[in-house]
């Protein structure tokens, strides 16, 4: 596995983890900031959450998407 591909997968997983209830820190920060319940914030973020999950699957199983620029630069 290419180190750049591993890094992209790692960062995408972290972004997804920060949005995943019940331990997603970004949900708690947004809930506190906007004075809304956590589940209301998650319902608002759900489309982005699912888009990020689909993007993560695509990045994971099609490595040339994240290593294409690195490969062409060498």
Protein backbone atom coordinates (compact mmCIF):
# COMPACT_ATOMS: atom_id res chain seq x y z
CA UNK A 1 0.00 0.00 0.00
CA UNK A 2 1.31 3.43 -0.95
CA UNK A 3 1.91 5.75 2.04
CA UNK A 4 -0.10 8.57 0.42
CA UNK A 5 -3.06 6.24 -0.09
CA UNK A 6 -2.83 5.12 3.54
CA UNK A 7 -2.74 8.74 4.70
CA UNK A 8 -5.80 9.70 2.66
CA UNK A 9 -7.74 6.70 4.00
CA UNK A 10 -6.64 7.56 7.54
CA UNK A 11 -7.77 11.19 7.29
CA UNK A 12 -11.10 10.29 5.68
CA UNK A 13 -11.74 7.77 8.47
CA UNK A 14 -10.94 10.41 11.09
CA UNK A 15 -13.37 12.86 9.48
CA UNK A 16 -16.05 10.20 9.44
CA UNK A 17 -15.34 9.27 13.06
CA UNK A 18 -15.73 12.85 14.23
CA UNK A 19 -19.27 12.87 12.79
CA UNK A 20 -20.35 9.46 14.10
CA UNK A 21 -22.69 9.48 17.10
CA UNK A 22 -22.49 8.91 20.06
CA UNK A 23 -18.82 9.87 20.40
CA UNK A 24 -18.38 12.29 17.49
CA UNK A 25 -16.69 15.38 18.91
CA UNK A 26 -17.82 17.63 16.05
CA UNK A 27 -21.44 16.82 16.86
CA UNK A 28 -20.99 17.82 20.49
CA UNK A 29 -19.19 21.04 19.56
CA UNK A 30 -21.90 22.01 17.06
CA UNK A 31 -24.63 21.06 19.53
CA UNK A 32 -23.09 23.26 22.20
CA UNK A 33 -22.38 26.15 19.83
CA UNK A 34 -25.86 26.29 18.28
CA UNK A 35 -27.80 25.26 21.44
CA UNK A 36 -29.44 22.32 19.67
CA UNK A 37 -29.79 18.66 20.71
CA UNK A 38 -27.12 16.31 19.35
CA UNK A 39 -29.62 14.22 17.38
CA UNK A 40 -31.00 17.33 15.67
CA UNK A 41 -27.48 18.28 14.63
CA UNK A 42 -26.84 14.74 13.38
CA UNK A 43 -30.01 14.81 11.29
CA UNK A 44 -28.77 18.01 9.68
CA UNK A 45 -25.32 16.49 9.07
CA UNK A 46 -26.57 13.06 7.92
CA UNK A 47 -26.42 13.77 4.14
CA UNK A 48 -22.79 14.86 4.45
CA UNK A 49 -22.07 11.87 6.67
CA UNK A 50 -23.36 9.42 4.08
CA UNK A 51 -21.60 11.23 1.23
CA UNK A 52 -18.35 11.02 3.20
CA UNK A 53 -18.92 7.31 3.86
CA UNK A 54 -19.46 6.63 0.16
CA UNK A 55 -16.40 8.72 -0.68
CA UNK A 56 -14.36 6.73 1.82
CA UNK A 57 -15.40 3.47 0.18
CA UNK A 58 -14.48 4.81 -3.23
CA UNK A 59 -11.10 6.09 -2.01
CA UNK A 60 -10.35 2.80 -0.27
CA UNK A 61 -11.16 0.50 -3.19
CA UNK A 62 -9.88 2.72 -6.02
CA UNK A 63 -6.36 3.66 -4.89
CA UNK A 64 -5.47 5.39 -8.16
CA UNK A 65 -7.81 8.25 -7.14
CA UNK A 66 -5.59 9.25 -4.23
CA UNK A 67 -2.21 8.33 -5.75
CA UNK A 68 -2.75 9.56 -9.32
CA UNK A 69 -1.05 12.91 -8.85
CA UNK A 70 1.82 11.37 -6.89
CA UNK A 71 2.39 8.73 -9.57
CA UNK A 72 2.40 11.25 -12.44
CA UNK A 73 4.83 13.58 -10.63
CA UNK A 74 7.56 10.96 -10.38
